[in-house]
Amino acid sequence: MKKLIFANLKMYQNTKKEIDNYLNELNSEKLNFIAIPPIIYLDRFIQRGFTCGVQNISVYEEGAHTGETSVLSIKDMGCKYVLVGHSEIRNNETDKMINIKIKIILKNNLIPILCIGESLEAYNQKQTKEILKKQIQNALKDTNEKVIISYEPVWAIGTGKTPTNEEIIDIINYIKSLFNYDITVLYGGSVSLENIETLNKTNNVNGFLIGKAATNPSSLKKIIEVARM
């Protein structure tokens, strides 16, 4: 099975010109990756033929919730995936909110990508597995449908640091052992052109969630090429 590639473009591209230049340098069919752009530009990606996800949704499907984005809206636009629990958002969320979002996503036949990861303090105290198990159990409480898990050590996101391959393999195996089905597990956290060849040797990882490196079309193309070898 080819590795899945998700490109979380965060909030790095903030004008129509930047987005159009980016799209003009990519080819959705040949590259075959899932784009997760700023939601305001989601339609531009979908119109170009990209399979897309969004970076977040509301805990509400509809109602008087100014500034929120409904899962119904992004489903209607043709979105397929939703990031949930990313560390850059988790500080403003409770486990209950993450659980509600996952249930809403599954109810609407979309695919949640549950981001989990430990802090540097937890990593140093060897509490990684304990933290990840708790995050998974709380997020998936009272659900039984398949999700995608993305392991992203908080201390590795945007820092240029990554765990060793041995650590990643051990953690991915542990995550998979918590499920009674063949769960898809991604690795994220400073995935880059410089380390993708090394990370790609983690043979139990099903794909990668790429952040800032994905905003450079040339780097993204090369990362995908290496990851699909």
Protein backbone atom coordinates (compact mmCIF):
# COMPACT_ATOMS: atom_id res chain seq x y z
CA MET A 1 0.00 0.00 0.00
CA LYS A 2 1.35 3.42 -0.97
CA LYS A 3 1.92 5.83 1.87
CA LEU A 4 -0.73 8.50 2.34
CA ILE A 5 0.50 12.08 2.16
CA PHE A 6 -1.38 14.91 3.85
CA ALA A 7 -0.24 18.51 3.41
CA ASN A 8 -1.34 20.76 6.29
CA LEU A 9 -0.78 24.21 4.83
CA LYS A 10 -1.76 25.93 8.11
CA MET A 11 -1.88 29.73 7.67
CA TYR A 12 1.26 30.29 5.62
CA GLN A 13 -0.45 31.34 2.36
CA ASN A 14 -2.84 34.22 2.89
CA THR A 15 -3.57 35.81 -0.48
CA LYS A 16 -5.28 34.62 -3.65
CA LYS A 17 -2.05 35.27 -5.55
CA GLU A 18 -0.02 33.03 -3.21
CA ILE A 19 -2.58 30.25 -3.45
CA ASP A 20 -2.91 30.47 -7.24
CA ASN A 21 0.87 30.45 -7.69
CA TYR A 22 1.07 27.40 -5.42
CA LEU A 23 -1.66 25.55 -7.29
CA ASN A 24 -0.14 26.38 -10.67
CA GLU A 25 3.07 24.59 -9.64
CA LEU A 26 1.27 21.42 -8.58
CA ASN A 27 -0.55 18.66 -10.42
CA SER A 28 -3.28 17.01 -8.34
CA GLU A 29 -3.52 13.81 -10.40
CA LYS A 30 0.18 13.02 -10.65
CA LEU A 31 1.10 13.96 -7.09
CA ASN A 32 -1.89 12.23 -5.48
CA PHE A 33 -1.79 13.82 -2.04
CA ILE A 34 -4.47 15.24 0.25
CA ALA A 35 -4.39 19.02 0.63
CA ILE A 36 -5.46 20.67 3.88
CA PRO A 37 -5.47 24.38 2.99
CA PRO A 38 -6.75 27.44 4.86
CA ILE A 39 -10.51 26.97 4.79
CA ILE A 40 -11.13 30.22 2.93
CA TYR A 41 -9.28 28.73 -0.06
CA LEU A 42 -10.70 25.20 0.19
CA ASP A 43 -12.91 25.65 -2.87
CA ARG A 44 -9.94 26.69 -5.02
CA PHE A 45 -8.22 23.36 -4.30
CA ILE A 46 -11.36 21.31 -4.83
CA GLN A 47 -12.02 23.00 -8.17
CA ARG A 48 -8.49 22.04 -9.27
CA GLY A 49 -9.26 18.37 -8.54
CA PHE A 50 -7.46 17.96 -5.22
CA THR A 51 -8.81 15.64 -2.53
CA CYS A 52 -9.06 17.91 0.50
CA GLY A 53 -9.31 18.08 4.25
CA VAL A 54 -9.86 20.98 6.63
CA GLN A 55 -7.81 22.03 9.63
CA ASN A 56 -10.69 22.23 12.10
CA ILE A 57 -14.47 22.32 12.48
CA SER A 58 -16.99 23.50 15.07
CA VAL A 59 -18.43 21.25 17.75
CA TYR A 60 -21.81 22.42 16.44
CA GLU A 61 -23.40 21.42 13.15
CA GLU A 62 -25.44 24.64 12.87
CA GLY A 63 -26.82 27.55 14.85
CA ALA A 64 -25.83 30.94 16.28
CA HIS A 65 -22.08 30.31 16.42
CA THR A 66 -20.34 33.30 14.89
CA GLY A 67 -16.95 32.60 13.35
CA GLU A 68 -17.36 28.80 13.43
CA THR A 69 -17.23 26.39 10.49
CA SER A 70 -19.85 23.66 10.23
CA VAL A 71 -19.05 20.13 9.11
CA LEU A 72 -22.16 20.43 6.91
CA SER A 73 -20.54 23.27 4.95
CA ILE A 74 -17.26 21.53 4.29
CA LYS A 75 -19.06 18.29 3.39
CA ASP A 76 -21.22 20.18 0.89
CA MET A 77 -18.06 21.61 -0.69
CA GLY A 78 -16.70 18.11 -1.28
CA CYS A 79 -14.20 17.85 1.57
CA LYS A 80 -13.26 14.31 2.68
CA TYR A 81 -11.05 14.68 5.78
CA VAL A 82 -10.96 16.74 8.98
CA LEU A 83 -8.00 17.30 11.29
CA VAL A 84 -8.97 16.95 14.95
CA GLY A 85 -6.90 17.60 18.06
CA HIS A 86 -3.89 19.22 16.42
CA SER A 87 -1.52 20.48 19.10
CA GLU A 88 -1.82 24.06 17.84
CA ILE A 89 -5.55 23.89 18.65
CA ARG A 90 -5.63 21.46 21.59
CA ASN A 91 -4.72 24.17 24.11
CA ASN A 92 -8.13 25.72 23.45
CA GLU A 93 -10.06 22.45 23.47
CA THR A 94 -11.14 19.85 25.99
CA ASP A 95 -11.07 16.10 25.42
CA LYS A 96 -14.87 16.23 25.37
CA MET A 97 -14.84 18.77 22.52
CA ILE A 98 -12.48 16.59 20.48
CA ASN A 99 -14.75 13.60 21.09
CA ILE A 100 -17.82 15.57 19.97
CA LYS A 101 -16.05 16.69 16.79
CA ILE A 102 -15.07 13.13 15.90
CA LYS A 103 -18.66 11.94 16.38
CA ILE A 104 -19.96 14.77 14.16
CA ILE A 105 -17.39 13.97 11.47
CA LEU A 106 -18.23 10.26 11.48
CA LYS A 107 -21.96 10.99 11.50
CA ASN A 108 -21.49 12.92 8.27
CA ASN A 109 -19.44 10.14 6.64
CA LEU A 110 -16.19 12.10 6.60
CA ILE A 111 -12.86 10.82 7.86
CA PRO A 112 -11.32 12.28 11.04
CA ILE A 113 -7.55 12.49 11.37
CA LEU A 114 -6.94 12.44 15.11
CA CYS A 115 -3.68 14.15 16.02
CA ILE A 116 -2.01 12.91 19.18
CA GLY A 117 1.34 13.66 20.75
CA GLU A 118 3.27 14.25 23.93
CA SER A 119 5.03 17.34 25.27
CA LEU A 120 8.79 17.50 25.69
CA GLU A 121 8.35 17.14 29.45
CA ALA A 122 6.27 13.97 29.04
CA TYR A 123 8.78 12.61 26.52
CA ASN A 124 11.70 13.20 28.89
CA GLN A 125 9.77 11.52 31.71
CA LYS A 126 9.02 8.53 29.45
CA GLN A 127 5.28 9.09 29.66
CA THR A 128 4.66 9.07 25.92
CA LYS A 129 2.63 5.86 25.73
CA GLU A 130 0.56 6.75 28.75
CA ILE A 131 -0.30 10.16 27.28
CA LEU A 132 -1.13 8.79 23.83
CA LYS A 133 -3.37 6.05 25.20
CA LYS A 134 -5.33 8.57 27.24
CA GLN A 135 -5.69 10.93 24.25
CA ILE A 136 -6.98 8.10 22.05
CA GLN A 137 -9.40 6.74 24.64
CA ASN A 138 -10.86 10.17 25.40
CA ALA A 139 -11.14 11.21 21.76
CA LEU A 140 -12.77 7.98 20.57
CA LYS A 141 -15.06 7.39 23.55
CA ASP A 142 -18.36 5.79 22.48
CA THR A 143 -17.29 5.49 18.83
CA ASN A 144 -16.62 2.34 16.86
CA GLU A 145 -15.95 3.57 13.33
CA LYS A 146 -12.53 3.72 11.69
CA VAL A 147 -10.41 6.83 11.99
CA ILE A 148 -6.89 7.86 10.99
CA ILE A 149 -4.34 8.59 13.72
CA SER A 150 -1.49 11.04 13.24
CA TYR A 151 1.31 10.77 15.78
CA GLU A 152 2.87 14.20 16.15
CA PRO A 153 5.18 14.70 19.13
CA VAL A 154 4.43 18.24 20.26
CA TRP A 155 8.12 18.89 20.82
CA ALA A 156 8.84 18.02 17.18
CA ILE A 157 6.26 20.24 15.47
CA GLY A 158 7.97 23.12 13.71
CA THR A 159 11.22 22.62 15.62
CA GLY A 160 13.20 20.61 13.08
CA LYS A 161 13.61 17.86 15.69
CA THR A 162 12.24 14.36 15.24
CA PRO A 163 12.28 11.14 17.27
CA THR A 164 14.62 8.40 16.11
CA ASN A 165 13.23 5.84 13.69
CA GLU A 166 13.42 3.24 16.45
CA GLU A 167 11.27 5.45 18.70
CA ILE A 168 8.74 6.11 15.93
CA ILE A 169 8.46 2.42 15.05
CA ASP A 170 7.95 1.51 18.70
CA ILE A 171 5.27 4.17 19.22
CA ILE A 172 3.42 3.34 15.98
CA ASN A 173 3.37 -0.35 16.94
CA TYR A 174 2.01 0.61 20.35
CA ILE A 175 -0.73 2.79 18.86
CA LYS A 176 -1.77 0.00 16.49
CA SER A 177 -1.89 -2.47 19.39
CA LEU A 178 -4.65 -0.38 20.99
CA PHE A 179 -7.08 -1.15 18.15
CA ASN A 180 -8.86 -4.32 17.11
CA TYR A 181 -8.70 -3.38 13.45
CA ASP A 182 -5.94 -2.37 11.04
CA ILE A 183 -5.67 1.29 11.99
CA THR A 184 -3.98 3.76 9.64
CA VAL A 185 -1.28 5.70 11.48
CA LEU A 186 0.61 8.70 10.08
CA TYR A 187 3.72 10.40 11.40
CA GLY A 188 3.90 14.19 11.58
CA GLY A 189 6.24 16.65 13.26
CA SER A 190 8.94 18.48 11.27
CA VAL A 191 8.69 16.17 8.26
CA SER A 192 10.93 17.77 5.65
CA LEU A 193 12.90 17.22 2.49
CA GLU A 194 16.00 16.78 4.65
CA ASN A 195 14.63 13.91 6.75
CA ILE A 196 11.98 12.21 4.60
CA GLU A 197 14.42 9.58 3.29
CA THR A 198 15.26 8.57 6.87
CA LEU A 199 11.65 8.74 8.10
CA ASN A 200 10.48 6.69 5.13
CA LYS A 201 12.45 3.73 6.50
CA THR A 202 9.88 3.40 9.30
CA ASN A 203 8.08 0.53 7.59
CA ASN A 204 5.06 0.48 9.91
CA VAL A 205 4.08 4.10 9.23
CA ASN A 206 1.19 4.41 6.78
CA GLY A 207 1.95 7.93 5.68
CA PHE A 208 2.97 11.43 6.68
CA LEU A 209 1.26 14.65 7.77
CA ILE A 210 3.51 17.40 6.46
CA GLY A 211 3.37 20.97 7.72
CA LYS A 212 5.47 23.93 6.63
CA ALA A 213 7.59 21.89 4.20
CA ALA A 214 4.43 21.27 2.16
CA THR A 215 4.06 24.98 1.41
CA ASN A 216 7.03 24.77 -0.99
CA PRO A 217 5.76 23.00 -4.14
CA SER A 218 9.23 21.83 -5.13
CA SER A 219 9.93 20.34 -1.70
CA LEU A 220 6.49 18.75 -1.52
CA LYS A 221 6.95 17.05 -4.88
CA LYS A 222 10.30 15.60 -3.82
CA ILE A 223 8.96 14.50 -0.41
CA ILE A 224 6.09 12.67 -2.11
CA GLU A 225 8.47 11.06 -4.58
CA VAL A 226 10.68 9.72 -1.77
CA ALA A 227 7.75 8.65 0.42
CA ARG A 228 6.22 6.65 -2.43
CA MET A 229 9.43 4.72 -3.23
